Amino acid sequence: MRIDRRHFVAGTLAAPAFLSAGAARAATTIKISHQFPGGTIDQGDFRDRLCRKFAAEVGKRSNGDIKVEVYANSSLMKTNAQFSAMRKGALDASLFPLPYAGGEAPEANIGLMPSLVSSYDQGLSWKNKPVGKELANYLADKGVVILTWVWQAGGVASRAKPLVSPDDAKGMKIRGGSREMDMVLKAAGAAVLSLPSNELYAAMQTGACDAGLTSSTSLISFRLEELAKHLTAGGGKSYWFMFEPLLMSKAIFDKMPKAHQDLLLAVGGEMEAFGRQAAMADDDRVVEVYKKAGAQTHALDDATLEKWKAIARETAWKDYAAKNAGCARLIKLAQDV
């Protein structure tokens, strides 16, 4: 991000939040980067659509004082660099899978803690519970602000054999999606790969990966049905829920007038209903997509979920809680939801 624009934006902040019609002004530009396929406000990956809906509403309600630009497919910035860039003020915003930040912010891995969140109601309720407030404060201290809470259920696409129960994982090469999910898979006897979901197709195509765990939306958007003979769907029951919020650099957010800050938070909150509805729709649609492609589909039952949860409690949950006091507090609060 160019320094000259930052200096210009900073110089305009003393002006009133919304200037009168016809007054000479230049819009503040917010650039959102994400890794998912691009589309339109009405068609395509719902995470891209959410960003575009957010952009349109912010532009309208700010009378053009805030312009939001959306860069899909990691076209503005590579996936794994986005969190660090937001912390430094080098990237304005991103719809970002939070566990991707676990390397520099260990507490962030609670965003994909296997078997911790088991429903959309539970995950979205975090926002107004102590666990959500604690997580939001932690991220603010790290330099990012949550604008929109987005949770997604996930499933498994596999090339040759299904991955339903922990017993199925033995000997497979699997992408889990987070350090903690990888721990569970390793305990079940799998080898694991660490890579963002937009690199999963290539890994499965070359045979480097036998199966990939990811959200229902990514299972569709990244066309994994072209490679998979089996789908374990996560719509009805799942041990895999990912927190993928719309985040903003706190350094950029804090420089904005309060009226602009309030607007961004208000519109961000209004996007949550769309995010939930769209994620749940993809949980249903993914089954149709894979069946049409000729894959066998599988569902999880309560007994199988309990097997995954038992492994998670003894491995990932304990390891996470032992990392530091903040992690211990977060997972304790999460278990109270």
Protein backbone atom coordinates (compact mmCIF):
# COMPACT_ATOMS: atom_id res chain seq x y z
CA MET A 1 0.00 0.00 0.00
CA ARG A 2 1.45 3.29 -1.04
CA ILE A 3 2.59 5.68 1.65
CA ASP A 4 1.36 8.72 -0.26
CA ARG A 5 -2.27 7.59 0.04
CA ARG A 6 -1.88 7.02 3.76
CA HIS A 7 -0.52 10.52 4.24
CA PHE A 8 -3.39 11.92 2.23
CA VAL A 9 -6.01 10.00 4.20
CA ALA A 10 -4.45 11.02 7.50
CA GLY A 11 -4.56 14.62 6.41
CA THR A 12 -8.28 14.50 5.77
CA LEU A 13 -9.34 13.07 9.10
CA ALA A 14 -9.87 16.41 10.79
CA ALA A 15 -12.67 17.13 8.35
CA PRO A 16 -16.28 16.39 9.28
CA ALA A 17 -17.27 12.74 8.91
CA PHE A 18 -19.75 13.35 6.13
CA LEU A 19 -19.30 16.53 4.14
CA SER A 20 -22.25 18.41 2.74
CA ALA A 21 -23.44 17.65 -0.77
CA GLY A 22 -21.40 19.39 -3.40
CA ALA A 23 -18.44 20.09 -1.11
CA ALA A 24 -15.02 19.32 -2.55
CA ARG A 25 -13.69 16.13 -1.01
CA ALA A 26 -11.87 12.91 -1.81
CA ALA A 27 -13.15 9.54 -0.64
CA THR A 28 -11.28 7.46 1.89
CA THR A 29 -10.47 4.16 0.18
CA ILE A 30 -10.52 0.85 2.02
CA LYS A 31 -9.02 -2.13 0.18
CA ILE A 32 -10.27 -5.60 1.14
CA SER A 33 -8.10 -8.55 0.13
CA HIS A 34 -9.21 -12.19 0.32
CA GLN A 35 -8.16 -15.55 -1.09
CA PHE A 36 -11.51 -16.69 -2.47
CA PRO A 37 -12.76 -16.68 -6.08
CA GLY A 38 -14.19 -13.37 -7.24
CA GLY A 39 -17.69 -12.86 -8.57
CA THR A 40 -20.41 -10.25 -8.37
CA ILE A 41 -22.59 -8.94 -5.58
CA ASP A 42 -25.22 -11.52 -6.56
CA GLN A 43 -23.22 -14.48 -7.87
CA GLY A 44 -20.25 -16.52 -6.69
CA ASP A 45 -18.52 -17.42 -3.44
CA PHE A 46 -20.56 -15.87 -0.63
CA ARG A 47 -17.45 -14.56 1.13
CA ASP A 48 -16.62 -12.45 -1.90
CA ARG A 49 -20.28 -11.43 -2.15
CA LEU A 50 -20.30 -10.43 1.53
CA CYS A 51 -17.34 -8.14 0.92
CA ARG A 52 -19.04 -6.61 -2.13
CA LYS A 53 -22.32 -6.10 -0.26
CA PHE A 54 -20.36 -4.48 2.57
CA ALA A 55 -18.61 -2.22 0.05
CA ALA A 56 -21.84 -1.16 -1.62
CA GLU A 57 -23.63 -0.41 1.65
CA VAL A 58 -20.72 1.53 3.13
CA GLY A 59 -20.42 3.60 -0.02
CA LYS A 60 -24.13 4.37 -0.07
CA ARG A 61 -24.48 5.21 3.60
CA SER A 62 -21.35 7.35 3.69
CA ASN A 63 -22.60 9.33 0.68
CA GLY A 64 -19.44 8.27 -1.11
CA ASP A 65 -17.08 9.45 1.62
CA ILE A 66 -15.81 5.89 2.02
CA LYS A 67 -14.97 3.81 -1.03
CA VAL A 68 -14.39 0.09 -0.50
CA GLU A 69 -12.52 -1.93 -3.13
CA VAL A 70 -12.54 -5.75 -3.11
CA TYR A 71 -9.58 -7.79 -4.38
CA ALA A 72 -10.39 -11.49 -4.75
CA ASN A 73 -8.13 -14.49 -5.42
CA SER A 74 -5.28 -13.04 -3.32
CA SER A 75 -4.77 -10.61 -6.22
CA LEU A 76 -3.74 -7.77 -3.93
CA MET A 77 -1.74 -9.79 -1.42
CA LYS A 78 -0.85 -13.44 -0.84
CA THR A 79 -3.09 -15.26 1.62
CA ASN A 80 -0.65 -15.94 4.43
CA ALA A 81 0.72 -12.38 4.42
CA GLN A 82 -2.61 -10.68 5.04
CA PHE A 83 -2.85 -10.85 8.83
CA SER A 84 0.63 -9.50 9.41
CA ALA A 85 0.02 -6.75 6.86
CA MET A 86 -3.17 -5.66 8.62
CA ARG A 87 -1.30 -5.52 11.93
CA LYS A 88 1.25 -3.16 10.37
CA GLY A 89 -1.33 -1.00 8.59
CA ALA A 90 -0.05 -2.17 5.19
CA LEU A 91 -3.40 -3.80 4.33
CA ASP A 92 -6.74 -2.22 5.17
CA ALA A 93 -8.99 -5.26 5.53
CA SER A 94 -9.44 -8.94 4.76
CA LEU A 95 -12.04 -11.65 5.04
CA PHE A 96 -9.58 -13.98 6.66
CA PRO A 97 -9.61 -17.53 8.10
CA LEU A 98 -8.45 -16.65 11.60
CA PRO A 99 -6.40 -19.81 12.30
CA TYR A 100 -4.08 -18.84 9.44
CA ALA A 101 -2.76 -16.25 11.90
CA GLY A 102 -1.85 -18.85 14.52
CA GLY A 103 1.86 -18.70 13.79
CA GLU A 104 2.16 -15.13 15.04
CA ALA A 105 -0.95 -15.01 17.24
CA PRO A 106 -1.39 -18.43 18.92
CA GLU A 107 -4.74 -17.56 20.47
CA ALA A 108 -6.16 -17.18 16.95
CA ASN A 109 -6.15 -20.95 16.55
CA ILE A 110 -9.31 -21.14 18.61
CA GLY A 111 -11.01 -20.16 15.36
CA LEU A 112 -10.68 -23.76 14.17
CA MET A 113 -10.56 -25.89 17.30
CA PRO A 114 -11.97 -29.32 16.37
CA SER A 115 -15.21 -30.24 18.14
CA LEU A 116 -15.30 -27.00 20.14
CA VAL A 117 -18.05 -25.36 18.07
CA SER A 118 -20.79 -27.67 16.81
CA SER A 119 -23.44 -25.30 15.40
CA TYR A 120 -23.89 -21.87 13.85
CA ASP A 121 -25.94 -20.76 16.85
CA GLN A 122 -23.11 -21.63 19.17
CA GLY A 123 -20.38 -20.01 17.09
CA LEU A 124 -22.24 -16.79 16.37
CA SER A 125 -23.25 -16.45 20.01
CA TRP A 126 -19.57 -15.95 20.86
CA LYS A 127 -19.79 -12.33 19.71
CA ASN A 128 -21.80 -11.29 22.78
CA LYS A 129 -20.35 -13.82 25.22
CA PRO A 130 -17.21 -13.46 27.33
CA VAL A 131 -15.23 -15.66 24.92
CA GLY A 132 -16.03 -13.36 22.00
CA LYS A 133 -15.21 -10.20 23.91
CA GLU A 134 -11.93 -11.76 25.07
CA LEU A 135 -11.05 -12.79 21.51
CA ALA A 136 -11.97 -9.38 20.09
CA ASN A 137 -9.82 -7.64 22.72
CA TYR A 138 -6.92 -9.98 21.99
CA LEU A 139 -7.11 -9.28 18.28
CA ALA A 140 -7.36 -5.54 18.91
CA ASP A 141 -4.17 -5.77 20.96
CA LYS A 142 -2.60 -7.54 17.98
CA GLY A 143 -3.71 -4.73 15.68
CA VAL A 144 -6.89 -5.95 13.99
CA VAL A 145 -10.60 -5.17 14.48
CA ILE A 146 -13.46 -7.61 13.85
CA LEU A 147 -16.07 -6.04 11.56
CA THR A 148 -18.17 -9.11 10.72
CA TRP A 149 -18.45 -12.44 12.54
CA VAL A 150 -18.57 -15.31 10.04
CA TRP A 151 -18.58 -19.01 10.93
CA GLN A 152 -18.58 -21.88 8.46
CA ALA A 153 -19.19 -25.58 8.86
CA GLY A 154 -16.84 -27.85 6.96
CA GLY A 155 -16.51 -31.29 5.49
CA VAL A 156 -14.01 -33.50 3.69
CA ALA A 157 -13.32 -34.12 0.02
CA SER A 158 -11.20 -37.23 -0.57
CA ARG A 159 -9.69 -38.71 -3.68
CA ALA A 160 -9.94 -42.47 -3.20
CA LYS A 161 -11.59 -43.48 0.07
CA PRO A 162 -13.93 -41.71 2.48
CA LEU A 163 -12.78 -39.97 5.63
CA VAL A 164 -15.66 -40.26 8.07
CA SER A 165 -14.40 -41.69 11.36
CA PRO A 166 -10.97 -41.30 12.94
CA ASP A 167 -10.19 -44.89 11.96
CA ASP A 168 -10.39 -43.88 8.28
CA ALA A 169 -7.56 -41.36 8.64
CA LYS A 170 -4.79 -43.89 9.17
CA GLY A 171 -2.21 -43.72 6.40
CA MET A 172 -3.89 -40.81 4.57
CA LYS A 173 -2.27 -37.48 3.66
CA ILE A 174 -4.74 -34.86 4.83
CA ARG A 175 -5.07 -31.09 4.89
CA GLY A 176 -6.74 -30.16 8.19
CA GLY A 177 -6.85 -26.36 8.08
CA SER A 178 -5.31 -25.53 11.45
CA ARG A 179 -2.53 -26.66 13.75
CA GLU A 180 -5.06 -28.11 16.16
CA MET A 181 -6.99 -29.98 13.49
CA ASP A 182 -3.69 -31.39 12.27
CA MET A 183 -2.94 -32.65 15.78
CA VAL A 184 -6.19 -34.60 15.82
CA LEU A 185 -5.50 -36.08 12.40
CA LYS A 186 -1.98 -37.09 13.42
CA ALA A 187 -3.35 -38.78 16.53
CA ALA A 188 -5.69 -40.72 14.23
CA GLY A 189 -2.70 -41.92 12.18
CA ALA A 190 -2.66 -39.47 9.26
CA ALA A 191 0.12 -37.44 7.72
CA VAL A 192 -0.82 -33.77 7.45
CA LEU A 193 -0.24 -30.88 5.06
CA SER A 194 -0.37 -27.23 6.04
CA LEU A 195 -1.63 -25.03 3.19
CA PRO A 196 -4.40 -22.50 2.55
CA SER A 197 -7.60 -23.79 0.98
CA ASN A 198 -6.93 -22.05 -2.33
CA GLU A 199 -3.91 -24.35 -2.79
CA LEU A 200 -5.82 -27.53 -2.03
CA TYR A 201 -6.88 -28.33 -5.59
CA ALA A 202 -3.28 -28.49 -6.82
CA ALA A 203 -2.21 -30.61 -3.86
CA MET A 204 -4.98 -33.12 -4.46
CA GLN A 205 -4.45 -33.08 -8.22
CA THR A 206 -0.78 -34.04 -7.87
CA GLY A 207 -1.46 -36.68 -5.23
CA ALA A 208 0.39 -34.78 -2.51
CA CYS A 209 -2.89 -34.73 -0.59
CA ASP A 210 -5.44 -37.56 -0.30
CA ALA A 211 -8.14 -35.56 1.44
CA GLY A 212 -8.87 -31.98 2.41
CA LEU A 213 -10.96 -30.60 5.24
CA THR A 214 -12.40 -27.19 4.42
CA SER A 215 -15.64 -25.25 4.53
CA SER A 216 -18.63 -26.28 2.42
CA THR A 217 -18.21 -23.09 0.42
CA SER A 218 -14.56 -23.81 -0.35
CA LEU A 219 -15.40 -27.40 -1.25
CA ILE A 220 -17.57 -25.87 -3.98
CA SER A 221 -15.63 -22.75 -4.95
CA PHE A 222 -12.31 -24.54 -5.41
CA ARG A 223 -13.98 -27.25 -7.55
CA LEU A 224 -12.69 -30.15 -5.50
CA GLU A 225 -15.58 -32.28 -6.79
CA GLU A 226 -13.53 -32.60 -9.98
CA LEU A 227 -10.98 -34.66 -8.04
CA ALA A 228 -12.95 -36.26 -5.21
CA LYS A 229 -14.70 -39.61 -5.21
CA HIS A 230 -16.05 -39.06 -1.70
CA LEU A 231 -17.55 -36.18 0.29
CA THR A 232 -18.14 -36.20 4.02
CA ALA A 233 -20.66 -33.39 4.43
CA GLY A 234 -20.65 -31.14 7.47
CA GLY A 235 -24.03 -29.49 7.13
CA GLY A 236 -26.01 -31.65 9.52
CA LYS A 237 -23.27 -32.44 12.03
CA SER A 238 -19.63 -31.39 12.00
CA TYR A 239 -16.53 -31.36 14.18
CA TRP A 240 -15.04 -28.68 11.85
CA PHE A 241 -16.23 -25.07 12.26
CA MET A 242 -14.00 -22.25 11.03
CA PHE A 243 -14.13 -18.61 12.12
CA GLU A 244 -13.58 -16.48 8.98
CA PRO A 245 -14.33 -12.88 10.00
CA LEU A 246 -14.08 -9.69 8.01
CA LEU A 247 -11.16 -7.98 9.73
CA MET A 248 -9.72 -4.49 9.49
CA SER A 249 -6.36 -3.03 10.40
CA LYS A 250 -6.71 -1.26 13.75
CA ALA A 251 -4.04 1.23 12.70
CA ILE A 252 -6.22 2.29 9.77
CA PHE A 253 -9.50 2.03 11.69
CA ASP A 254 -8.22 4.21 14.56
CA LYS A 255 -7.27 7.03 12.17
CA MET A 256 -10.81 7.32 10.85
CA PRO A 257 -13.42 9.72 12.25
CA LYS A 258 -15.72 8.13 14.79
CA ALA A 259 -18.70 8.45 12.46
CA HIS A 260 -16.82 6.38 9.89
CA GLN A 261 -15.82 3.81 12.52
CA ASP A 262 -19.40 3.50 13.71
CA LEU A 263 -20.63 3.06 10.16
CA LEU A 264 -18.12 0.30 9.37
CA LEU A 265 -19.04 -1.59 12.54
CA ALA A 266 -22.76 -1.17 11.94
CA VAL A 267 -22.63 -2.39 8.35
CA GLY A 268 -20.27 -5.18 9.34
CA GLY A 269 -22.74 -6.39 11.94
CA GLU A 270 -25.58 -6.27 9.44
CA MET A 271 -23.65 -8.60 7.12
CA GLU A 272 -23.70 -11.42 9.70
CA ALA A 273 -27.22 -12.59 8.87
CA PHE A 274 -26.26 -12.90 5.21
CA GLY A 275 -23.08 -14.78 6.12
CA ARG A 276 -24.95 -17.31 8.20
CA GLN A 277 -27.70 -17.84 5.65
CA ALA A 278 -25.24 -18.24 2.79
CA ALA A 279 -22.97 -20.62 4.70
CA MET A 280 -25.91 -22.84 5.62
CA ALA A 281 -27.16 -22.80 2.02
CA ASP A 282 -23.75 -24.02 0.86
CA ASP A 283 -23.89 -26.83 3.43
CA ASP A 284 -26.88 -28.14 1.49
CA ARG A 285 -25.60 -27.24 -1.96
CA VAL A 286 -22.25 -29.00 -1.54
CA VAL A 287 -24.00 -32.38 -1.34
CA GLU A 288 -25.85 -31.69 -4.58
CA VAL A 289 -22.66 -30.56 -6.34
CA TYR A 290 -20.69 -33.66 -5.36
CA LYS A 291 -23.52 -36.08 -6.14
CA LYS A 292 -23.87 -34.52 -9.57
CA ALA A 293 -20.12 -35.01 -10.12
CA GLY A 294 -20.47 -38.70 -9.25
CA ALA A 295 -18.97 -38.68 -5.76
CA GLN A 296 -20.35 -40.76 -2.91
CA THR A 297 -21.57 -38.62 -0.02
CA HIS A 298 -21.37 -39.49 3.66
CA ALA A 299 -22.80 -37.95 6.83
CA LEU A 300 -21.62 -37.93 10.43
CA ASP A 301 -23.62 -39.40 13.28
CA ASP A 302 -23.42 -38.60 16.99
CA ALA A 303 -21.27 -41.62 17.81
CA THR A 304 -18.69 -40.65 15.18
CA LEU A 305 -18.68 -37.04 16.33
CA GLU A 306 -17.97 -38.21 19.85
CA LYS A 307 -14.95 -40.19 18.63
CA TRP A 308 -13.49 -37.08 17.03
CA LYS A 309 -14.26 -35.01 20.12
CA ALA A 310 -12.56 -37.51 22.43
CA ILE A 311 -9.34 -37.24 20.42
CA ALA A 312 -9.61 -33.45 20.24
CA ARG A 313 -10.00 -33.09 24.00
CA GLU A 314 -6.90 -35.17 24.70
CA THR A 315 -4.71 -33.59 22.04
CA ALA A 316 -5.64 -30.22 20.55
CA TRP A 317 -7.62 -28.83 23.47
CA LYS A 318 -4.96 -29.73 26.04
CA ASP A 319 -2.11 -28.49 23.86
CA TYR A 320 -3.85 -25.17 23.16
CA ALA A 321 -4.71 -24.58 26.82
CA ALA A 322 -1.10 -25.25 27.83
CA LYS A 323 0.34 -22.65 25.43
CA ASN A 324 -0.26 -19.62 27.63
CA ALA A 325 -2.74 -18.09 30.05
CA GLY A 326 -4.66 -16.36 27.26
CA CYS A 327 -5.26 -19.61 25.38
CA ALA A 328 -6.28 -21.37 28.59
CA ARG A 329 -8.79 -18.65 29.35
CA LEU A 330 -10.24 -18.57 25.83
CA ILE A 331 -10.89 -22.29 25.59
CA LYS A 332 -12.40 -22.36 29.06
CA LEU A 333 -14.76 -19.53 28.13
CA ALA A 334 -15.61 -21.24 24.85
CA GLN A 335 -16.60 -24.43 26.64
CA ASP A 336 -19.06 -22.40 28.70
CA VAL A 337 -21.02 -21.38 25.56
